Protein backbone atom coordinates (compact mmCIF):
# COMPACT_ATOMS: atom_id res chain seq x y z
CA MET A 1 127.30 202.64 268.96
CA GLU A 2 125.99 204.80 272.10
CA LYS A 3 126.93 201.97 274.47
CA TYR A 4 130.57 202.39 273.71
CA LYS A 5 131.11 206.20 273.74
CA PHE A 6 131.80 205.80 277.37
CA LEU A 7 134.42 203.13 276.78
CA ILE A 8 135.96 205.29 274.14
CA MET A 9 136.34 208.08 276.31
CA LYS A 10 137.45 206.00 278.99
CA ASP A 11 140.13 204.36 277.12
CA LEU A 12 141.18 207.90 275.80
CA ARG A 13 141.41 209.61 279.56
CA HIS A 14 143.39 206.36 280.47
CA ALA A 15 145.88 206.30 277.59
CA TRP A 16 146.59 210.08 278.12
CA LYS A 17 147.57 209.42 281.84
CA ASP A 18 149.46 206.19 281.36
CA PRO A 19 152.94 206.60 279.81
CA VAL A 20 153.01 203.01 279.00
CA LEU A 21 149.84 203.16 277.17
CA MET A 22 150.81 206.36 275.45
CA ALA A 23 153.89 204.78 274.10
CA ALA A 24 152.05 201.83 272.96
CA LEU A 25 149.94 204.30 270.98
CA ILE A 26 152.79 206.90 269.84
CA GLY A 27 155.00 203.52 268.88
CA PRO A 28 153.89 202.88 265.35
CA LEU A 29 154.28 206.73 264.53
CA ALA A 30 157.53 206.55 265.43
CA ILE A 31 158.39 203.59 263.57
CA LEU A 32 156.76 205.13 260.68
CA PHE A 33 159.10 208.22 261.01
CA LEU A 34 162.17 205.97 261.68
CA SER A 35 161.48 204.00 258.39
CA ARG A 36 160.73 206.96 256.40
CA PHE A 37 163.50 209.21 257.33
CA GLY A 38 165.98 206.65 259.02
CA PHE A 39 166.20 203.97 256.68
CA PRO A 40 167.66 206.18 253.63
CA VAL A 41 170.33 207.71 255.98
CA ALA A 42 171.34 204.14 257.39
CA VAL A 43 171.45 202.97 253.68
CA ASP A 44 173.56 205.97 252.84
CA TRP A 45 176.03 205.70 255.95
CA LEU A 46 176.56 201.73 255.44
CA GLU A 47 177.11 201.92 251.89
CA VAL A 48 179.70 204.72 252.13
CA ASN A 49 181.48 203.35 255.18
CA TYR A 50 181.14 199.33 254.69
CA SER A 51 180.08 198.86 251.05
CA PHE A 52 177.08 197.10 252.74
CA HIS A 53 174.04 197.63 250.51
CA LEU A 54 171.16 197.63 252.79
CA GLU A 55 168.82 198.77 250.22
CA LEU A 56 168.65 195.09 249.06
CA TYR A 57 166.70 194.46 252.57
CA ARG A 58 164.18 196.90 251.91
CA GLY A 59 161.37 194.54 251.87
CA PHE A 60 162.67 192.58 255.14
CA ALA A 61 163.22 195.73 256.91
CA ALA A 62 159.33 196.49 256.05
CA SER A 63 158.11 193.30 257.31
CA LEU A 64 160.16 193.33 260.55
CA LEU A 65 159.01 196.71 261.56
CA VAL A 66 155.21 196.56 260.51
CA VAL A 67 154.71 193.24 262.20
CA THR A 68 155.51 195.19 265.70
CA ILE A 69 152.40 197.21 265.00
CA PRO A 70 149.84 194.75 266.36
CA MET A 71 151.82 193.84 269.09
CA LEU A 72 151.77 197.72 270.23
CA THR A 73 148.26 198.15 269.37
CA GLY A 74 147.41 194.82 271.06
CA MET A 75 149.49 195.51 274.23
CA LEU A 76 147.46 198.65 274.50
CA THR A 77 144.26 197.14 274.66
CA GLY A 78 145.57 194.08 276.68
CA LEU A 79 146.95 196.26 279.45
CA LEU A 80 143.53 198.31 279.50
CA MET A 81 141.85 194.86 279.91
CA LEU A 82 143.80 194.00 282.82
CA ASP A 83 143.30 197.34 284.46
CA GLU A 84 139.40 196.86 284.24
CA ARG A 85 139.99 193.27 285.54
CA ASP A 86 141.85 194.89 288.64
CA GLU A 87 138.90 197.11 289.07
CA ASN A 88 136.30 194.75 288.66
CA MET A 89 134.81 196.66 285.85
CA ILE A 90 134.58 193.65 283.49
CA ALA A 91 131.83 192.00 285.77
CA TYR A 92 130.24 195.49 286.00
CA TYR A 93 130.02 195.84 282.19
CA ALA A 94 128.47 192.53 282.26
CA VAL A 95 125.31 193.54 284.23
CA THR A 96 124.89 196.76 282.10
CA PRO A 97 123.63 197.22 278.57
CA LEU A 98 126.95 196.95 277.24
CA THR A 99 126.87 192.85 278.19
CA SER A 100 129.71 190.64 278.29
CA LYS A 101 129.73 190.00 274.73
CA GLY A 102 129.47 193.77 273.89
CA TYR A 103 132.41 194.42 275.98
CA LEU A 104 134.39 191.54 274.36
CA PHE A 105 133.37 192.75 271.01
CA TYR A 106 134.49 196.15 271.80
CA ARG A 107 137.79 194.98 273.20
CA MET A 108 138.62 192.90 270.00
CA ALA A 109 137.50 195.57 267.66
CA LEU A 110 139.36 198.32 269.10
CA PRO A 111 143.07 197.00 268.55
CA PHE A 112 141.79 195.50 265.12
CA LEU A 113 140.71 198.88 263.79
CA LEU A 114 143.67 200.68 265.31
CA CYS A 115 146.18 198.22 263.95
CA THR A 116 144.29 198.43 260.50
CA VAL A 117 144.63 202.15 260.27
CA LEU A 118 148.00 202.23 261.50
CA SER A 119 149.25 199.44 259.29
CA PHE A 120 147.76 201.03 256.46
CA VAL A 121 149.63 204.43 257.15
CA TYR A 122 152.88 202.62 257.29
CA LEU A 123 152.74 200.13 254.29
CA PHE A 124 151.61 203.22 252.10
CA PHE A 125 153.49 206.15 253.48
CA SER A 126 156.94 204.45 255.19
CA ASN A 127 158.60 204.34 251.50
CA LEU A 128 159.71 200.76 252.38
CA SER A 129 157.29 198.75 250.93
CA GLU A 130 155.51 199.09 247.33
CA VAL A 131 151.96 200.07 246.89
CA ARG A 132 150.27 196.90 245.50
CA SER A 133 146.79 195.39 245.89
CA TYR A 134 148.56 192.22 247.72
CA ASN A 135 148.99 194.59 250.70
CA VAL A 136 145.23 194.31 251.40
CA PHE A 137 146.12 190.48 252.51
CA VAL A 138 148.85 191.42 254.73
CA LEU A 139 146.83 194.19 256.46
CA LEU A 140 143.90 191.60 257.06
CA LEU A 141 146.56 189.34 258.79
CA LEU A 142 148.28 191.97 260.77
CA ALA A 143 144.60 193.40 261.87
CA LEU A 144 143.70 189.86 263.30
CA GLU A 145 146.89 189.68 265.35
CA ALA A 146 146.00 192.97 267.48
CA PRO A 147 143.16 191.48 269.03
CA MET A 148 144.92 188.02 269.43
CA PHE A 149 147.87 189.64 271.50
CA SER A 150 145.33 191.93 273.44
CA LEU A 151 143.50 188.45 274.43
CA PHE A 152 146.67 186.54 275.00
CA LEU A 153 147.81 189.17 277.50
CA ALA A 154 144.22 189.52 279.20
CA ALA A 155 143.85 185.60 279.17
CA PHE A 156 147.43 184.73 280.74
CA SER A 157 148.35 187.30 282.90
CA THR A 158 146.70 188.03 286.42
CA ASN A 159 147.68 191.67 286.59
CA LYS A 160 149.23 194.53 284.88
CA VAL A 161 152.70 193.79 285.94
CA GLU A 162 152.46 190.57 284.87
CA GLY A 163 150.92 191.74 281.57
CA LEU A 164 153.90 194.03 280.94
CA ALA A 165 156.35 191.19 281.56
CA LEU A 166 154.23 188.87 279.13
CA SER A 167 154.21 191.49 276.68
CA LYS A 168 158.25 191.59 276.34
CA LEU A 169 157.93 188.08 275.02
CA GLY A 170 156.46 189.59 272.11
CA GLY A 171 159.55 190.20 271.01
CA LEU A 172 159.97 186.63 269.94
CA PHE A 173 157.31 187.50 267.29
CA ILE A 174 159.83 189.45 265.18
CA ALA A 175 161.10 185.88 264.42
CA GLY A 176 158.45 185.30 261.91
CA PRO A 177 159.81 187.77 259.09
CA VAL A 178 163.45 186.40 259.88
CA VAL A 179 162.31 182.99 258.84
CA ALA A 180 159.96 183.97 256.08
CA HIS A 181 163.12 185.87 254.43
CA PHE A 182 166.27 183.91 255.22
CA VAL A 183 165.57 180.35 256.51
CA PRO A 184 165.59 177.90 253.27
CA GLY A 185 163.18 175.29 252.40
CA ALA A 186 161.42 173.27 254.32
CA TRP A 187 163.08 174.43 257.58
CA GLN A 188 160.52 177.56 257.15
CA VAL A 189 157.88 175.24 258.82
CA VAL A 190 159.66 176.14 262.09
CA GLY A 191 158.28 179.46 261.71
CA ALA A 192 155.02 178.76 260.56
CA TRP A 193 153.37 178.35 263.96
CA LEU A 194 154.31 182.34 264.38
CA PRO A 195 151.39 184.39 263.22
CA THR A 196 153.94 187.14 262.28
CA TYR A 197 155.26 184.71 259.61
CA TRP A 198 152.69 184.88 257.39
CA PRO A 199 152.16 188.52 256.50
CA ALA A 200 155.96 188.51 256.00
CA LYS A 201 155.91 185.88 253.67
CA ILE A 202 153.01 187.04 251.60
CA PRO A 203 154.65 190.01 249.95
CA TYR A 204 158.03 188.18 249.55
CA LEU A 205 156.12 185.59 247.37
CA PHE A 206 154.45 188.36 245.37
CA MET A 207 157.87 189.95 244.94
CA HIS A 208 159.15 186.78 243.55
CA ASN A 209 156.41 186.23 241.18
CA GLU A 210 154.63 183.61 243.14
CA SER A 211 151.34 184.60 243.15
CA PHE A 212 149.43 181.47 243.32
CA LEU A 213 151.72 180.31 246.23
CA ALA A 214 151.22 183.65 247.96
CA SER A 215 147.24 183.07 247.65
CA VAL A 216 147.69 179.77 249.10
CA PHE A 217 149.80 181.09 251.87
CA PHE A 218 147.40 183.87 252.43
CA ALA A 219 144.43 181.21 253.11
CA GLY A 220 146.72 179.03 255.28
CA GLY A 221 147.66 182.20 257.37
CA LEU A 222 143.99 183.38 257.52
CA LEU A 223 142.98 179.94 258.92
CA LEU A 224 146.05 179.93 261.55
CA HIS A 225 145.08 183.27 262.57
CA GLY A 226 141.31 182.28 262.88
CA VAL A 227 142.04 179.39 265.02
CA PHE A 228 144.79 181.16 267.07
CA LEU A 229 141.93 184.10 267.71
CA TYR A 230 139.26 181.65 268.51
CA LEU A 231 141.67 179.98 271.12
CA MET A 232 142.42 183.09 272.59
CA VAL A 233 138.82 183.99 273.26
CA THR A 234 138.26 180.76 274.52
CA VAL A 235 140.83 180.83 277.09
CA PHE A 236 139.68 184.56 278.07
CA ILE A 237 136.23 183.60 278.55
CA ASN A 238 137.24 180.64 280.73
CA ARG A 239 139.78 182.58 282.93
CA ARG A 240 136.54 185.34 283.19
CA SER A 241 134.46 182.81 284.46
């Protein structure tokens, strides 16, 4: 643990000075605030003015918003990695007691833990999702997406500017909950390649009393997340070398 203290303090100082990184860190808390206090206001306003019952889409809103948390925490770490690459710090860490493996472990563990904590806070305090045991499945899949997104940015970007541009493609991932909730039948396979589809589909199935099917989807989602994460690690290591 001692060898990671330097990186932790360095990350905190860097995030404090960089407004983009600070926004990525504060973003999940802003989403929580919006969900807890903004959603009820929107429900009342739409019902009074347009007779639209937004309350019926509470579960969809929760899924749509919570999947942005791994994107934000992943972007935070991914941009830090690009900064370190620009400064040749990754090569430096490789010859220190930290080693290349230790560095990669830290850079994967940081977004995983951050996403776990922030997603837990969101799911249990946003008032949009029910507190159920199946949230553990959702948390695990969301947490795996954060380092996946970090490595995606670090592997396919040559600098921080490219990383910021590439992170905007993360907006495509919000299609996962849309497919999970609204696309009919077999057409859902179109969205199955999106990691965000699986943590959105699992609570949807549980809420419709499809416990066994939800468990099958969790197993499939876990396998897919594992494959994607392995591919991102492999590409990152190959690009680094």
